[in-house]
Amino acid sequence: MAITLYDNDSGAAIGDISESDLEFLIDNLEEETSDDQDYYLRPETVAMLGERGGSEALMALLRTALGERAGVEIRWQKTD
């Protein structure tokens, strides 16, 4: 099963992450509900995730998603 991150603004796929990367995001970011699948990222958030040990692959995807913007809302989706 693949887990894909998407940019909520454009709907574009950012890239695939591992199950452990997803667990890392869930453990380190705030979820509004138990079935929440989206997160708002700012540069400070991405830096914090890096300091907490996010994988290099995950951090590269998050930096790409953010680009030069002040913030971006991403979501994840599991696919078969």
PDB file of N, CA and C in Angstrom:
ATOM      1  N   MET A   1       0.841  -1.169   0.000  1.00  0.00           N
ATOM      2  CA  MET A   1       0.000   0.000   0.000  1.00  0.00           C
ATOM      3  C   MET A   1       0.891   1.239   0.000  1.00  0.00           C
ATOM      4  N   ALA A   2       0.655   2.140  -0.926  1.00  0.00           N
ATOM      5  CA  ALA A   2       1.422   3.379  -1.017  1.00  0.00           C
ATOM      6  C   ALA A   2       0.728   4.474  -0.216  1.00  0.00           C
ATOM      7  N   ILE A   3       1.516   5.382   0.296  1.00  0.00           N
ATOM      8  CA  ILE A   3       1.004   6.557   0.985  1.00  0.00           C
ATOM      9  C   ILE A   3       1.532   7.763   0.222  1.00  0.00           C
ATOM     10  N   THR A   4       0.610   8.563  -0.314  1.00  0.00           N
ATOM     11  CA  THR A   4       0.986   9.702  -1.134  1.00  0.00           C
ATOM     12  C   THR A   4       0.616  10.990  -0.426  1.00  0.00           C
ATOM     13  N   LEU A   5       1.536  11.962  -0.468  1.00  0.00           N
ATOM     14  CA  LEU A   5       1.265  13.307   0.030  1.00  0.00           C
ATOM     15  C   LEU A   5       0.794  14.166  -1.131  1.00  0.00           C
ATOM     16  N   TYR A   6      -0.198  15.022  -0.856  1.00  0.00           N
ATOM     17  CA  TYR A   6      -0.752  15.927  -1.852  1.00  0.00           C
ATOM     18  C   TYR A   6      -0.734  17.360  -1.341  1.00  0.00           C
ATOM     19  N   ASP A   7      -0.586  18.299  -2.259  1.00  0.00           N
ATOM     20  CA  ASP A   7      -0.737  19.723  -1.975  1.00  0.00           C
ATOM     21  C   ASP A   7      -2.230  20.013  -2.049  1.00  0.00           C
ATOM     22  N   ASN A   8      -2.833  20.456  -0.949  1.00  0.00           N
ATOM     23  CA  ASN A   8      -4.273  20.690  -0.935  1.00  0.00           C
ATOM     24  C   ASN A   8      -4.693  21.833  -1.848  1.00  0.00           C
ATOM     25  N   ASP A   9      -3.849  22.834  -2.048  1.00  0.00           N
ATOM     26  CA  ASP A   9      -4.210  23.970  -2.900  1.00  0.00           C
ATOM     27  C   ASP A   9      -4.331  23.565  -4.358  1.00  0.00           C
ATOM     28  N   SER A  10      -3.335  22.831  -4.851  1.00  0.00           N
ATOM     29  CA  SER A  10      -3.322  22.474  -6.270  1.00  0.00           C
ATOM     30  C   SER A  10      -3.877  21.081  -6.540  1.00  0.00           C
ATOM     31  N   GLY A  11      -3.901  20.234  -5.504  1.00  0.00           N
ATOM     32  CA  GLY A  11      -4.302  18.845  -5.688  1.00  0.00           C
ATOM     33  C   GLY A  11      -3.194  17.968  -6.247  1.00  0.00           C
ATOM     34  N   ALA A  12      -2.039  18.575  -6.513  1.00  0.00           N
ATOM     35  CA  ALA A  12      -0.918  17.837  -7.114  1.00  0.00           C
ATOM     36  C   ALA A  12      -0.274  16.904  -6.101  1.00  0.00           C
ATOM     37  N   ALA A  13       0.131  15.742  -6.590  1.00  0.00           N
ATOM     38  CA  ALA A  13       0.869  14.804  -5.750  1.00  0.00           C
ATOM     39  C   ALA A  13       2.255  15.373  -5.477  1.00  0.00           C
ATOM     40  N   ILE A  14       2.676  15.285  -4.221  1.00  0.00           N
ATOM     41  CA  ILE A  14       4.010  15.730  -3.830  1.00  0.00           C
ATOM     42  C   ILE A  14       4.980  14.562  -3.928  1.00  0.00           C
ATOM     43  N   GLY A  15       4.527  13.390  -3.505  1.00  0.00           N
ATOM     44  CA  GLY A  15       5.362  12.203  -3.563  1.00  0.00           C
ATOM     45  C   GLY A  15       4.886  11.168  -2.562  1.00  0.00           C
ATOM     46  N   ASP A  16       5.485  10.005  -2.623  1.00  0.00           N
ATOM     47  CA  ASP A  16       5.122   8.898  -1.738  1.00  0.00           C
ATOM     48  C   ASP A  16       6.024   8.882  -0.516  1.00  0.00           C
ATOM     49  N   ILE A  17       5.440   8.475   0.616  1.00  0.00           N
ATOM     50  CA  ILE A  17       6.198   8.341   1.857  1.00  0.00           C
ATOM     51  C   ILE A  17       6.011   6.930   2.394  1.00  0.00           C
ATOM     52  N   SER A  18       6.870   6.561   3.318  1.00  0.00           N
ATOM     53  CA  SER A  18       6.797   5.239   3.932  1.00  0.00           C
ATOM     54  C   SER A  18       5.788   5.251   5.078  1.00  0.00           C
ATOM     55  N   GLU A  19       5.429   4.063   5.529  1.00  0.00           N
ATOM     56  CA  GLU A  19       4.540   3.928   6.687  1.00  0.00           C
ATOM     57  C   GLU A  19       5.182   4.572   7.914  1.00  0.00           C
ATOM     58  N   SER A  20       6.493   4.417   8.076  1.00  0.00           N
ATOM     59  CA  SER A  20       7.168   5.018   9.227  1.00  0.00           C
ATOM     60  C   SER A  20       7.182   6.544   9.131  1.00  0.00           C
ATOM     61  N   ASP A  21       7.286   7.096   7.915  1.00  0.00           N
ATOM     62  CA  ASP A  21       7.203   8.554   7.746  1.00  0.00           C
ATOM     63  C   ASP A  21       5.808   9.054   8.119  1.00  0.00           C
ATOM     64  N   LEU A  22       4.783   8.305   7.741  1.00  0.00           N
ATOM     65  CA  LEU A  22       3.413   8.694   8.100  1.00  0.00           C
ATOM     66  C   LEU A  22       3.239   8.672   9.608  1.00  0.00           C
ATOM     67  N   GLU A  23       3.723   7.629  10.259  1.00  0.00           N
ATOM     68  CA  GLU A  23       3.626   7.545  11.714  1.00  0.00           C
ATOM     69  C   GLU A  23       4.366   8.715  12.373  1.00  0.00           C
ATOM     70  N   PHE A  24       5.498   9.098  11.810  1.00  0.00           N
ATOM     71  CA  PHE A  24       6.253  10.233  12.324  1.00  0.00           C
ATOM     72  C   PHE A  24       5.423  11.508  12.229  1.00  0.00           C
ATOM     73  N   LEU A  25       4.778  11.735  11.084  1.00  0.00           N
ATOM     74  CA  LEU A  25       3.927  12.921  10.929  1.00  0.00           C
ATOM     75  C   LEU A  25       2.776  12.903  11.931  1.00  0.00           C
ATOM     76  N   ILE A  26       2.113  11.766  12.047  1.00  0.00           N
ATOM     77  CA  ILE A  26       0.980  11.640  12.970  1.00  0.00           C
ATOM     78  C   ILE A  26       1.429  11.912  14.406  1.00  0.00           C
ATOM     79  N   ASP A  27       2.590  11.397  14.773  1.00  0.00           N
ATOM     80  CA  ASP A  27       3.096  11.560  16.139  1.00  0.00           C
ATOM     81  C   ASP A  27       3.548  12.991  16.439  1.00  0.00           C
ATOM     82  N   ASN A  28       3.963  13.728  15.410  1.00  0.00           N
ATOM     83  CA  ASN A  28       4.576  15.032  15.642  1.00  0.00           C
ATOM     84  C   ASN A  28       3.746  16.233  15.230  1.00  0.00           C
ATOM     85  N   LEU A  29       2.644  16.025  14.541  1.00  0.00           N
ATOM     86  CA  LEU A  29       1.809  17.140  14.111  1.00  0.00           C
ATOM     87  C   LEU A  29       0.413  17.030  14.708  1.00  0.00           C
ATOM     88  N   GLU A  30      -0.222  18.172  14.868  1.00  0.00           N
ATOM     89  CA  GLU A  30      -1.541  18.235  15.490  1.00  0.00           C
ATOM     90  C   GLU A  30      -2.619  17.792  14.514  1.00  0.00           C
ATOM     91  N   GLU A  31      -3.500  16.949  15.005  1.00  0.00           N
ATOM     92  CA  GLU A  31      -4.653  16.503  14.217  1.00  0.00           C
ATOM     93  C   GLU A  31      -5.911  17.008  14.902  1.00  0.00           C
ATOM     94  N   GLU A  32      -6.821  17.566  14.120  1.00  0.00           N
ATOM     95  CA  GLU A  32      -8.046  18.117  14.686  1.00  0.00           C
ATOM     96  C   GLU A  32      -9.024  17.018  15.100  1.00  0.00           C
ATOM     97  N   THR A  33      -9.010  15.906  14.379  1.00  0.00           N
ATOM     98  CA  THR A  33      -9.861  14.767  14.713  1.00  0.00           C
ATOM     99  C   THR A  33      -9.052  13.497  14.528  1.00  0.00           C
ATOM    100  N   SER A  34      -9.593  12.365  14.987  1.00  0.00           N
ATOM    101  CA  SER A  34      -8.863  11.102  14.893  1.00  0.00           C
ATOM    102  C   SER A  34      -8.703  10.621  13.454  1.00  0.00           C
ATOM    103  N   ASP A  35      -9.553  11.108  12.545  1.00  0.00           N
ATOM    104  CA  ASP A  35      -9.429  10.691  11.142  1.00  0.00           C
ATOM    105  C   ASP A  35      -8.902  11.817  10.251  1.00  0.00           C
ATOM    106  N   ASP A  36      -8.288  12.826  10.864  1.00  0.00           N
ATOM    107  CA  ASP A  36      -7.707  13.947  10.143  1.00  0.00           C
ATOM    108  C   ASP A  36      -6.548  13.458   9.279  1.00  0.00           C
ATOM    109  N   GLN A  37      -6.503  13.903   8.032  1.00  0.00           N
ATOM    110  CA  GLN A  37      -5.436  13.492   7.128  1.00  0.00           C
ATOM    111  C   GLN A  37      -4.730  14.682   6.486  1.00  0.00           C
ATOM    112  N   ASP A  38      -4.892  15.869   7.069  1.00  0.00           N
ATOM    113  CA  ASP A  38      -4.209  17.014   6.491  1.00  0.00           C
ATOM    114  C   ASP A  38      -3.484  17.817   7.570  1.00  0.00           C
ATOM    115  N   TYR A  39      -2.453  18.524   7.115  1.00  0.00           N
ATOM    116  CA  TYR A  39      -1.601  19.292   8.001  1.00  0.00           C
ATOM    117  C   TYR A  39      -1.219  20.598   7.316  1.00  0.00           C
ATOM    118  N   TYR A  40      -1.119  21.658   8.108  1.00  0.00           N
ATOM    119  CA  TYR A  40      -0.619  22.933   7.608  1.00  0.00           C
ATOM    120  C   TYR A  40       0.846  23.052   8.014  1.00  0.00           C
ATOM    121  N   LEU A  41       1.690  23.267   7.032  1.00  0.00           N
ATOM    122  CA  LEU A  41       3.130  23.359   7.277  1.00  0.00           C
ATOM    123  C   LEU A  41       3.636  24.762   6.996  1.00  0.00           C
ATOM    124  N   ARG A  42       4.468  25.251   7.894  1.00  0.00           N
ATOM    125  CA  ARG A  42       5.210  26.495   7.708  1.00  0.00           C
ATOM    126  C   ARG A  42       6.690  26.129   7.762  1.00  0.00           C
ATOM    127  N   PRO A  43       7.572  27.044   7.355  1.00  0.00           N
ATOM    128  CA  PRO A  43       9.007  26.726   7.421  1.00  0.00           C
ATOM    129  C   PRO A  43       9.446  26.290   8.818  1.00  0.00           C
ATOM    130  N   GLU A  44       8.877  26.920   9.850  1.00  0.00           N
ATOM    131  CA  GLU A  44       9.237  26.562  11.229  1.00  0.00           C
ATOM    132  C   GLU A  44       8.821  25.129  11.558  1.00  0.00           C
ATOM    133  N   THR A  45       7.684  24.710  11.016  1.00  0.00           N
ATOM    134  CA  THR A  45       7.193  23.354  11.252  1.00  0.00           C
ATOM    135  C   THR A  45       8.127  22.334  10.609  1.00  0.00           C
ATOM    136  N   VAL A  46       8.535  22.614   9.381  1.00  0.00           N
ATOM    137  CA  VAL A  46       9.437  21.702   8.678  1.00  0.00           C
ATOM    138  C   VAL A  46      10.775  21.627   9.416  1.00  0.00           C
ATOM    139  N   ALA A  47      11.274  22.766   9.896  1.00  0.00           N
ATOM    140  CA  ALA A  47      12.526  22.767  10.654  1.00  0.00           C
ATOM    141  C   ALA A  47      12.387  21.936  11.927  1.00  0.00           C
ATOM    142  N   MET A  48      11.270  22.076  12.628  1.00  0.00           N
ATOM    143  CA  MET A  48      11.025  21.317  13.854  1.00  0.00           C
ATOM    144  C   MET A  48      10.996  19.817  13.561  1.00  0.00           C
ATOM    145  N   LEU A  49      10.345  19.437  12.475  1.00  0.00           N
ATOM    146  CA  LEU A  49      10.290  18.016  12.123  1.00  0.00           C
ATOM    147  C   LEU A  49      11.689  17.471  11.831  1.00  0.00           C
ATOM    148  N   GLY A  50      12.516  18.268  11.180  1.00  0.00           N
ATOM    149  CA  GLY A  50      13.896  17.863  10.929  1.00  0.00           C
ATOM    150  C   GLY A  50      14.675  17.679  12.227  1.00  0.00           C
ATOM    151  N   GLU A  51      14.476  18.602  13.177  1.00  0.00           N
ATOM    152  CA  GLU A  51      15.150  18.504  14.466  1.00  0.00           C
ATOM    153  C   GLU A  51      14.691  17.281  15.258  1.00  0.00           C
ATOM    154  N   ARG A  52      13.457  16.860  15.032  1.00  0.00           N
ATOM    155  CA  ARG A  52      12.917  15.701  15.750  1.00  0.00           C
ATOM    156  C   ARG A  52      13.248  14.379  15.071  1.00  0.00           C
ATOM    157  N   GLY A  53      13.980  14.431  13.976  1.00  0.00           N
ATOM    158  CA  GLY A  53      14.467  13.204  13.361  1.00  0.00           C
ATOM    159  C   GLY A  53      13.709  12.705  12.153  1.00  0.00           C
ATOM    160  N   GLY A  54      13.004  13.597  11.457  1.00  0.00           N
ATOM    161  CA  GLY A  54      12.325  13.185  10.226  1.00  0.00           C
ATOM    162  C   GLY A  54      13.323  12.626   9.225  1.00  0.00           C
ATOM    163  N   SER A  55      12.923  11.599   8.484  1.00  0.00           N
ATOM    164  CA  SER A  55      13.833  10.986   7.512  1.00  0.00           C
ATOM    165  C   SER A  55      14.225  11.996   6.439  1.00  0.00           C
ATOM    166  N   GLU A  56      15.370  11.768   5.837  1.00  0.00           N
ATOM    167  CA  GLU A  56      15.839  12.665   4.783  1.00  0.00           C
ATOM    168  C   GLU A  56      14.846  12.722   3.634  1.00  0.00           C
ATOM    169  N   ALA A  57      14.268  11.572   3.280  1.00  0.00           N
ATOM    170  CA  ALA A  57      13.307  11.526   2.176  1.00  0.00           C
ATOM    171  C   ALA A  57      12.062  12.346   2.498  1.00  0.00           C
ATOM    172  N   LEU A  58      11.544  12.193   3.713  1.00  0.00           N
ATOM    173  CA  LEU A  58      10.366  12.953   4.119  1.00  0.00           C
ATOM    174  C   LEU A  58      10.672  14.440   4.143  1.00  0.00           C
ATOM    175  N   MET A  59      11.790  14.811   4.712  1.00  0.00           N
ATOM    176  CA  MET A  59      12.137  16.226   4.809  1.00  0.00           C
ATOM    177  C   MET A  59      12.295  16.852   3.428  1.00  0.00           C
ATOM    178  N   ALA A  60      12.872  16.125   2.491  1.00  0.00           N
ATOM    179  CA  ALA A  60      13.016  16.641   1.126  1.00  0.00           C
ATOM    180  C   ALA A  60      11.652  16.882   0.499  1.00  0.00           C
ATOM    181  N   LEU A  61      10.718  15.952   0.687  1.00  0.00           N
ATOM    182  CA  LEU A  61       9.371  16.135   0.134  1.00  0.00           C
ATOM    183  C   LEU A  61       8.673  17.332   0.762  1.00  0.00           C
ATOM    184  N   LEU A  62       8.791  17.486   2.068  1.00  0.00           N
ATOM    185  CA  LEU A  62       8.136  18.609   2.743  1.00  0.00           C
ATOM    186  C   LEU A  62       8.732  19.942   2.311  1.00  0.00           C
ATOM    187  N   ARG A  63      10.045  19.995   2.139  1.00  0.00           N
ATOM    188  CA  ARG A  63      10.681  21.236   1.663  1.00  0.00           C
ATOM    189  C   ARG A  63      10.232  21.559   0.242  1.00  0.00           C
ATOM    190  N   THR A  64      10.106  20.537  -0.591  1.00  0.00           N
ATOM    191  CA  THR A  64       9.629  20.741  -1.957  1.00  0.00           C
ATOM    192  C   THR A  64       8.189  21.251  -1.949  1.00  0.00           C
ATOM    193  N   ALA A  65       7.349  20.665  -1.106  1.00  0.00           N
ATOM    194  CA  ALA A  65       5.948  21.080  -1.023  1.00  0.00           C
ATOM    195  C   ALA A  65       5.833  22.534  -0.586  1.00  0.00           C
ATOM    196  N   LEU A  66       6.656  22.930   0.362  1.00  0.00           N
ATOM    197  CA  LEU A  66       6.611  24.289   0.880  1.00  0.00           C
ATOM    198  C   LEU A  66       7.173  25.280  -0.130  1.00  0.00           C
ATOM    199  N   GLY A  67       8.270  24.933  -0.761  1.00  0.00           N
ATOM    200  CA  GLY A  67       8.906  25.840  -1.717  1.00  0.00           C
ATOM    201  C   GLY A  67       9.214  27.175  -1.073  1.00  0.00           C
ATOM    202  N   GLU A  68       8.853  28.256  -1.737  1.00  0.00           N
ATOM    203  CA  GLU A  68       9.097  29.613  -1.232  1.00  0.00           C
ATOM    204  C   GLU A  68       7.879  30.190  -0.516  1.00  0.00           C
ATOM    205  N   ARG A  69       6.832  29.387  -0.357  1.00  0.00           N
ATOM    206  CA  ARG A  69       5.608  29.879   0.274  1.00  0.00           C
ATOM    207  C   ARG A  69       5.764  30.000   1.787  1.00  0.00           C
ATOM    208  N   ALA A  70       4.916  30.814   2.379  1.00  0.00           N
ATOM    209  CA  ALA A  70       4.920  30.994   3.835  1.00  0.00           C
ATOM    210  C   ALA A  70       4.264  29.809   4.528  1.00  0.00           C
ATOM    211  N   GLY A  71       3.457  29.055   3.798  1.00  0.00           N
ATOM    212  CA  GLY A  71       2.784  27.894   4.369  1.00  0.00           C
ATOM    213  C   GLY A  71       2.077  27.110   3.288  1.00  0.00           C
ATOM    214  N   VAL A  72       1.837  25.845   3.578  1.00  0.00           N
ATOM    215  CA  VAL A  72       1.148  24.978   2.628  1.00  0.00           C
ATOM    216  C   VAL A  72       0.354  23.939   3.412  1.00  0.00           C
ATOM    217  N   GLU A  73      -0.824  23.634   2.925  1.00  0.00           N
ATOM    218  CA  GLU A  73      -1.614  22.557   3.536  1.00  0.00           C
ATOM    219  C   GLU A  73      -1.423  21.313   2.693  1.00  0.00           C
ATOM    220  N   ILE A  74      -1.013  20.239   3.364  1.00  0.00           N
ATOM    221  CA  ILE A  74      -0.812  18.968   2.679  1.00  0.00           C
ATOM    222  C   ILE A  74      -1.787  17.952   3.254  1.00  0.00           C
ATOM    223  N   ARG A  75      -2.019  16.894   2.509  1.00  0.00           N
ATOM    224  CA  ARG A  75      -2.820  15.777   3.016  1.00  0.00           C
ATOM    225  C   ARG A  75      -2.160  14.497   2.546  1.00  0.00           C
ATOM    226  N   TRP A  76      -2.478  13.428   3.260  1.00  0.00           N
ATOM    227  CA  TRP A  76      -1.966  12.116   2.870  1.00  0.00           C
ATOM    228  C   TRP A  76      -3.131  11.200   2.529  1.00  0.00           C
ATOM    229  N   GLN A  77      -2.839  10.242   1.674  1.00  0.00           N
ATOM    230  CA  GLN A  77      -3.851   9.275   1.268  1.00  0.00           C
ATOM    231  C   GLN A  77      -3.178   7.943   0.991  1.00  0.00           C
ATOM    232  N   LYS A  78      -3.761   6.879   1.552  1.00  0.00           N
ATOM    233  CA  LYS A  78      -3.267   5.531   1.273  1.00  0.00           C
ATOM    234  C   LYS A  78      -3.956   5.031   0.014  1.00  0.00           C
ATOM    235  N   THR A  79      -3.173   4.397  -0.862  1.00  0.00           N
ATOM    236  CA  THR A  79      -3.706   3.831  -2.102  1.00  0.00           C
ATOM    237  C   THR A  79      -3.239   2.384  -2.221  1.00  0.00           C
ATOM    238  N   ASP A  80      -3.998   1.589  -2.914  1.00  0.00           N
ATOM    239  CA  ASP A  80      -3.647   0.185  -3.117  1.00  0.00           C
ATOM    240  C   ASP A  80      -2.631   0.025  -4.199  1.00  0.00           C
TER     241      ASP A  80
END
